[in-house]
Amino acid sequence: GFEARVTGNRLNFRSGPGTGYPILRNLPAGLLLLVRGQDSSAYWLFVELPDSALGWVARPYTTFTGTAPVMPAPPPPVVTP
């Protein structure tokens, strides 16, 4: 796998690749991420946290510069009016 570190403080760790997906938690600067994949735009990274949680973060707020396998996005959340 690939490694990256969080560069911004309180980086949003989301359930999917986009701001429409819920924030699962905030990640501290310096946290080590295992990059498992990316979305088709390469903006969002699919990562594993040290506690094995899986989710998505925005690449610009990490040190990741490589290319990861493209992963399918989970279904978007259902928004009820």
C-alpha atoms as a PDB file:
ATOM      1  CA  GLY A   1       0.000   0.000   0.000  1.00  0.00           C
ATOM      2  CA  PHE A   2       0.865   3.682  -0.043  1.00  0.00           C
ATOM      3  CA  GLU A   3       1.358   5.951   2.939  1.00  0.00           C
ATOM      4  CA  ALA A   4       0.387   9.596   3.372  1.00  0.00           C
ATOM      5  CA  ARG A   5       0.146  12.015   6.254  1.00  0.00           C
ATOM      6  CA  VAL A   6      -2.611  14.489   7.038  1.00  0.00           C
ATOM      7  CA  THR A   7      -1.303  18.049   6.520  1.00  0.00           C
ATOM      8  CA  GLY A   8      -4.339  20.090   7.605  1.00  0.00           C
ATOM      9  CA  ASN A   9      -5.740  19.973  11.132  1.00  0.00           C
ATOM     10  CA  ARG A  10      -9.219  18.485  11.580  1.00  0.00           C
ATOM     11  CA  LEU A  11      -9.333  16.941   8.108  1.00  0.00           C
ATOM     12  CA  ASN A  12     -12.810  15.581   7.356  1.00  0.00           C
ATOM     13  CA  PHE A  13     -12.867  11.786   7.132  1.00  0.00           C
ATOM     14  CA  ARG A  14     -15.961  10.946   5.100  1.00  0.00           C
ATOM     15  CA  SER A  15     -18.020   7.897   4.171  1.00  0.00           C
ATOM     16  CA  GLY A  16     -17.636   8.666   0.450  1.00  0.00           C
ATOM     17  CA  PRO A  17     -15.721  10.796  -2.053  1.00  0.00           C
ATOM     18  CA  GLY A  18     -17.541  14.104  -1.895  1.00  0.00           C
ATOM     19  CA  THR A  19     -18.768  16.789   0.467  1.00  0.00           C
ATOM     20  CA  GLY A  20     -22.274  15.331   0.259  1.00  0.00           C
ATOM     21  CA  TYR A  21     -21.157  12.285   2.258  1.00  0.00           C
ATOM     22  CA  PRO A  22     -21.339  12.397   6.059  1.00  0.00           C
ATOM     23  CA  ILE A  23     -18.239  13.246   8.083  1.00  0.00           C
ATOM     24  CA  LEU A  24     -17.315  10.223  10.178  1.00  0.00           C
ATOM     25  CA  ARG A  25     -14.702  12.074  12.226  1.00  0.00           C
ATOM     26  CA  ASN A  26     -11.985  14.733  12.022  1.00  0.00           C
ATOM     27  CA  LEU A  27      -8.363  13.707  11.608  1.00  0.00           C
ATOM     28  CA  PRO A  28      -5.427  15.467  13.302  1.00  0.00           C
ATOM     29  CA  ALA A  29      -2.464  16.848  11.366  1.00  0.00           C
ATOM     30  CA  GLY A  30       0.361  14.315  11.117  1.00  0.00           C
ATOM     31  CA  LEU A  31      -1.855  11.221  11.258  1.00  0.00           C
ATOM     32  CA  LEU A  32      -0.519   8.381   9.113  1.00  0.00           C
ATOM     33  CA  LEU A  33      -2.950   7.120   6.462  1.00  0.00           C
ATOM     34  CA  LEU A  34      -2.729   4.003   4.323  1.00  0.00           C
ATOM     35  CA  VAL A  35      -3.932   4.950   0.854  1.00  0.00           C
ATOM     36  CA  ARG A  36      -5.976   2.082  -0.594  1.00  0.00           C
ATOM     37  CA  GLY A  37      -7.370   3.867  -3.637  1.00  0.00           C
ATOM     38  CA  GLN A  38      -8.756   7.037  -5.166  1.00  0.00           C
ATOM     39  CA  ASP A  39     -11.868   8.139  -6.997  1.00  0.00           C
ATOM     40  CA  SER A  40     -11.924   8.647 -10.765  1.00  0.00           C
ATOM     41  CA  SER A  41     -11.154  12.373 -10.400  1.00  0.00           C
ATOM     42  CA  ALA A  42      -8.110  11.564  -8.195  1.00  0.00           C
ATOM     43  CA  TYR A  43      -9.221  14.345  -5.807  1.00  0.00           C
ATOM     44  CA  TRP A  44     -10.531  11.964  -3.137  1.00  0.00           C
ATOM     45  CA  LEU A  45      -8.415   9.235  -1.539  1.00  0.00           C
ATOM     46  CA  PHE A  46      -9.802   6.028  -0.039  1.00  0.00           C
ATOM     47  CA  VAL A  47      -7.751   5.489   3.109  1.00  0.00           C
ATOM     48  CA  GLU A  48      -7.336   3.224   6.107  1.00  0.00           C
ATOM     49  CA  LEU A  49      -6.691   4.779   9.526  1.00  0.00           C
ATOM     50  CA  PRO A  50      -4.407   3.308  12.219  1.00  0.00           C
ATOM     51  CA  ASP A  51      -7.512   1.809  13.911  1.00  0.00           C
ATOM     52  CA  SER A  52      -8.471   0.099  10.601  1.00  0.00           C
ATOM     53  CA  ALA A  53     -11.405   2.446   9.873  1.00  0.00           C
ATOM     54  CA  LEU A  54     -11.973   2.981   6.145  1.00  0.00           C
ATOM     55  CA  GLY A  55     -13.141   6.209   4.530  1.00  0.00           C
ATOM     56  CA  TRP A  56     -12.348   9.077   2.189  1.00  0.00           C
ATOM     57  CA  VAL A  57     -10.261  12.253   2.503  1.00  0.00           C
ATOM     58  CA  ALA A  58      -9.454  15.116   0.119  1.00  0.00           C
ATOM     59  CA  ARG A  59      -5.990  14.593  -1.392  1.00  0.00           C
ATOM     60  CA  PRO A  60      -4.836  18.259  -1.192  1.00  0.00           C
ATOM     61  CA  TYR A  61      -4.820  17.984   2.622  1.00  0.00           C
ATOM     62  CA  THR A  62      -2.436  15.020   2.602  1.00  0.00           C
ATOM     63  CA  THR A  63       1.173  14.425   1.576  1.00  0.00           C
ATOM     64  CA  PHE A  64       0.101  11.863  -1.056  1.00  0.00           C
ATOM     65  CA  THR A  65       1.552  12.524  -4.512  1.00  0.00           C
ATOM     66  CA  GLY A  66       1.287   9.105  -6.131  1.00  0.00           C
ATOM     67  CA  THR A  67      -1.430   7.287  -8.009  1.00  0.00           C
ATOM     68  CA  ALA A  68      -3.663   4.730  -6.332  1.00  0.00           C
ATOM     69  CA  PRO A  69      -6.097   2.249  -7.883  1.00  0.00           C
ATOM     70  CA  VAL A  70      -9.444   3.815  -8.818  1.00  0.00           C
ATOM     71  CA  MET A  71     -12.142   2.676  -6.396  1.00  0.00           C
ATOM     72  CA  PRO A  72     -15.898   2.791  -7.006  1.00  0.00           C
ATOM     73  CA  ALA A  73     -17.705   5.312  -4.835  1.00  0.00           C
ATOM     74  CA  PRO A  74     -20.333   4.036  -2.419  1.00  0.00           C
ATOM     75  CA  PRO A  75     -23.955   5.054  -3.147  1.00  0.00           C
ATOM     76  CA  PRO A  76     -24.581   8.689  -2.232  1.00  0.00           C
ATOM     77  CA  PRO A  77     -26.418   9.294   1.018  1.00  0.00           C
ATOM     78  CA  VAL A  78     -30.168   9.596   0.827  1.00  0.00           C
ATOM     79  CA  VAL A  79     -31.278  13.085   1.782  1.00  0.00           C
ATOM     80  CA  THR A  80     -34.756  13.255   3.254  1.00  0.00           C
ATOM     81  CA  PRO A  81     -36.536  16.609   2.952  1.00  0.00           C
END
